Structures are given as C-alpha cells and as structure tokens.
Amino acid sequence: MDNDHSYARITQPFGDGNYDFQFGWPEALEWEAKYSRSLFGTFNRMHREGIYLIGDIKEIVRLALVGGGTKPVDALRLVERYVEKRPLTENMALSLMILEASFFGNDTPAVVPVDG
C-alpha cells in the first residue's frame, strides 16, 4: 500500500529534535489490527472525553514516526526514550495532534514539484 498520505503528515518537536509524524491508512489499519478496537472510538474518547490510555499514546506516536519516515527500530528507540521515560501526560497532546491530522488533515497543502 502506498504510504503517501501527506494530508496526515505533521512535523513537531519531539525529544531531541523535530520529527515528521504521519498516521495514514496503513498506520490506522495496523493500529486497529493490533488492538482490535475502533480508532474512531479511541479518538472520540481522547478528544471529547479527555480519556487517554497509556498504551494508545505510545503506539500512536510510534506508528506515526514510522509513517513519517523514521526507521521502525529508531522509532521504537525514540518512543522508549521520550515517551516511556517521561511523565505520562507529556505526550498526550502530541498523540491527539497526530490523530487530528489523520482524521481532519493537516491544513498544509501538499508540496507539488515544479519543473524548470
């Protein structure tokens, strides 16, 4: 499956730098297969009710790093360092921003190469 889901790509500060995060269809399907529950329901719970599961935060960030172009092993290392070893609430906003871009787009027009 093509992973050009630039509508869902955001760049945010994370840990030691700025990283691209992209939670497109492939990441959403992987997440739902792993957890056997609705991503829509999870987003609704996070956005409307302010209820976050710790595992959701971690996995949303990890999958979005991979979707954004980070090698899986590097994404895991970053999550271990900057999610698992940080206060629980520190990455709540990031995980919600990732899903907001996935559901509603990032409001950034896709870059179109210009010949010439």
Protein backbone atom coordinates (compact mmCIF):
# COMPACT_ATOMS: atom_id res chain seq x y z
CA MET A 1 0.00 0.00 0.00
CA ASP A 2 1.29 3.42 -0.98
CA ASN A 3 2.13 5.48 2.11
CA ASP A 4 1.79 8.93 0.54
CA HIS A 5 -0.76 10.25 2.99
CA SER A 6 0.66 13.77 3.22
CA TYR A 7 -2.72 15.07 4.41
CA ALA A 8 -1.88 13.34 7.71
CA ARG A 9 1.76 14.49 7.98
CA ILE A 10 2.80 16.92 10.69
CA THR A 11 6.21 18.00 11.94
CA GLN A 12 6.52 18.52 15.67
CA PRO A 13 9.25 18.86 18.29
CA PHE A 14 9.82 15.51 19.96
CA GLY A 15 12.65 14.55 22.25
CA ASP A 16 15.92 15.59 20.66
CA GLY A 17 14.61 17.34 17.55
CA ASN A 18 11.78 17.94 15.12
CA TYR A 19 10.24 14.83 13.60
CA ASP A 20 7.73 14.03 10.89
CA PHE A 21 4.66 12.15 12.10
CA GLN A 22 2.19 10.58 9.69
CA PHE A 23 -0.72 8.41 10.75
CA GLY A 24 -2.34 7.49 7.45
CA TRP A 25 -4.35 4.45 6.38
CA PRO A 26 -1.52 1.89 6.80
CA GLU A 27 -0.84 3.02 10.37
CA ALA A 28 -4.55 3.15 11.21
CA LEU A 29 -5.10 -0.37 9.90
CA GLU A 30 -2.06 -1.67 11.80
CA TRP A 31 -3.27 0.01 14.99
CA GLU A 32 -6.81 -1.42 14.71
CA ALA A 33 -5.47 -4.92 13.93
CA LYS A 34 -3.15 -4.81 16.94
CA TYR A 35 -5.76 -3.56 19.42
CA SER A 36 -8.98 -4.95 17.87
CA ARG A 37 -10.86 -1.76 18.56
CA SER A 38 -12.02 1.28 16.67
CA LEU A 39 -9.59 4.10 16.04
CA PHE A 40 -12.63 6.39 15.70
CA GLY A 41 -13.78 5.34 19.18
CA THR A 42 -10.31 5.91 20.60
CA PHE A 43 -10.09 9.36 19.02
CA ASN A 44 -13.54 10.26 20.31
CA ARG A 45 -12.61 9.15 23.82
CA MET A 46 -9.40 11.18 23.72
CA HIS A 47 -10.84 14.29 22.05
CA ARG A 48 -14.29 14.59 23.61
CA GLU A 49 -13.84 12.89 26.96
CA GLY A 50 -10.16 13.58 27.65
CA ILE A 51 -9.59 9.90 28.44
CA TYR A 52 -6.28 8.52 27.23
CA LEU A 53 -4.87 5.01 27.55
CA ILE A 54 -1.12 4.96 28.13
CA GLY A 55 -0.59 2.25 25.53
CA ASP A 56 -2.51 4.28 22.96
CA ILE A 57 -0.25 7.29 23.41
CA LYS A 58 2.87 5.17 23.00
CA GLU A 59 1.65 3.25 19.95
CA ILE A 60 0.16 6.26 18.15
CA VAL A 61 3.45 8.11 18.46
CA ARG A 62 5.49 5.06 17.37
CA LEU A 63 3.35 4.28 14.33
CA ALA A 64 3.24 7.94 13.30
CA LEU A 65 7.04 8.19 13.47
CA VAL A 66 7.30 5.15 11.19
CA GLY A 67 4.64 6.59 8.87
CA GLY A 68 6.62 9.83 8.81
CA GLY A 69 9.73 8.05 7.58
CA THR A 70 11.60 7.05 10.74
CA LYS A 71 13.00 3.52 10.59
CA PRO A 72 10.96 1.20 12.84
CA VAL A 73 13.89 0.35 15.10
CA ASP A 74 14.69 4.06 15.50
CA ALA A 75 11.03 4.88 16.18
CA LEU A 76 10.96 2.26 18.93
CA ARG A 77 14.15 3.68 20.45
CA LEU A 78 12.72 7.22 20.37
CA VAL A 79 9.47 6.11 22.00
CA GLU A 80 11.34 4.19 24.69
CA ARG A 81 13.41 7.28 25.44
CA TYR A 82 10.92 10.13 25.01
CA VAL A 83 7.57 8.52 25.86
CA GLU A 84 8.22 5.66 28.27
CA LYS A 85 10.84 7.55 30.30
CA ARG A 86 8.88 10.80 30.54
CA PRO A 87 5.86 11.89 32.60
CA LEU A 88 2.68 10.16 31.43
CA THR A 89 0.93 13.37 30.35
CA GLU A 90 3.83 14.79 28.35
CA ASN A 91 2.85 13.16 25.04
CA MET A 92 -0.93 13.35 25.34
CA ALA A 93 -1.19 16.49 23.21
CA LEU A 94 1.16 15.06 20.57
CA SER A 95 -0.85 11.85 20.23
CA LEU A 96 -4.05 13.86 19.84
CA MET A 97 -2.46 16.17 17.22
CA ILE A 98 -1.34 13.09 15.28
CA LEU A 99 -4.87 11.69 15.21
CA GLU A 100 -6.41 15.08 14.42
CA ALA A 101 -4.20 15.31 11.31
CA SER A 102 -5.19 11.75 10.42
CA PHE A 103 -8.92 12.42 10.72
CA PHE A 104 -9.16 16.03 9.54
CA GLY A 105 -5.96 16.73 7.59
CA ASN A 106 -3.07 18.97 8.43
CA ASP A 107 -4.27 22.10 6.59
CA THR A 108 -0.94 22.21 4.79
CA PRO A 109 -1.09 21.95 1.01
CA ALA A 110 0.93 19.10 -0.41
CA VAL A 111 4.22 20.17 -1.99
CA VAL A 112 3.98 19.80 -5.75
CA PRO A 113 7.30 19.62 -7.61
CA VAL A 114 7.67 22.30 -10.27
CA ASP A 115 9.55 21.53 -13.45
CA GLY A 116 12.03 24.09 -14.59
